[in-house]
Structures are given as C-alpha cells and as structure tokens.
C-alpha cells in the first residue's frame, strides 16, 4: 500500500444543505434514540464536524448529521469536498465509521465528574444515554 506523505485537504466550504446527495448504501445506521440524541447535540452545540463529500457533493461521511441538518431546516452546512475516486469515497466512509478507538474508563469517569461538578449531569445522562446506575458504575471504578 502506498501512502502519500503530503496530505492536501481542501478548505471547508459552506454549501446549501439541499445540494448534498447520498447513494442510499450507507451501512451506518442509527436507532431513533441515537438519532434523537445526535439531534439534541447538534441543537446544543451546532454541527461541529464538516460533512465529507466527493467533488459532486456525494456524501462520504456525515450522512446522519446531514439528515438532522435537513430536519432542523439548516439552510447551509460545512463541507469538505475531496477530489477523490469513487472507491476512496467508500473507503473513507468505512474508515471514519469504524476506526473510533476505545475509551479509558478512568479518564471517562474524571471527565464525567467534571461535567457533573459544572452542573450538566442531566445533559451528560441524556446525550450519552446513561442511566443513574450506569453513570454510578463509571464513577465508582
């Protein structure tokens, strides 16, 4: 496999939400509950991650965020439009959906404690779907 040492990423651009397209084959699905939590996160913090597309605005990554942007009647979204071959669009979709890493539970617990101390326990529990018992499990470790 050949990797390029110099990576040129185009600058993000603002495009009309309605101009983005999907291929109908995204293997990444969300439950309604996950969808609702992502939507709540976008309503609270905004659309923080640009949607990745090919040159024709066909989405490679960010289809769930795009669906929610449409539901929220967001007229525009931030996009990184990559000049790539179709096979690379599929590769990017797979890589960005699957290579997430794992969480250190101790560091998660520290982060959760900070969030709770700053008065956002309810947001934490809702956005991450944490019951009181599950949250207590993190904090006791």
Foldseek 3Di string as FASTA:
>chain_A
DDDDPDDDFDDKDKDFLVQAAEDPPQPDDDDVLLLVLVLVVCVVPNDPDAFEEEQSRYTLDDPSVSVSCVVVVPGITIYGYHHDDPVVSVVSNVCVVPPDDDDDLQVVLVVQVVCVVVPNNVNVCRSVVNDPVNNVVSNVD
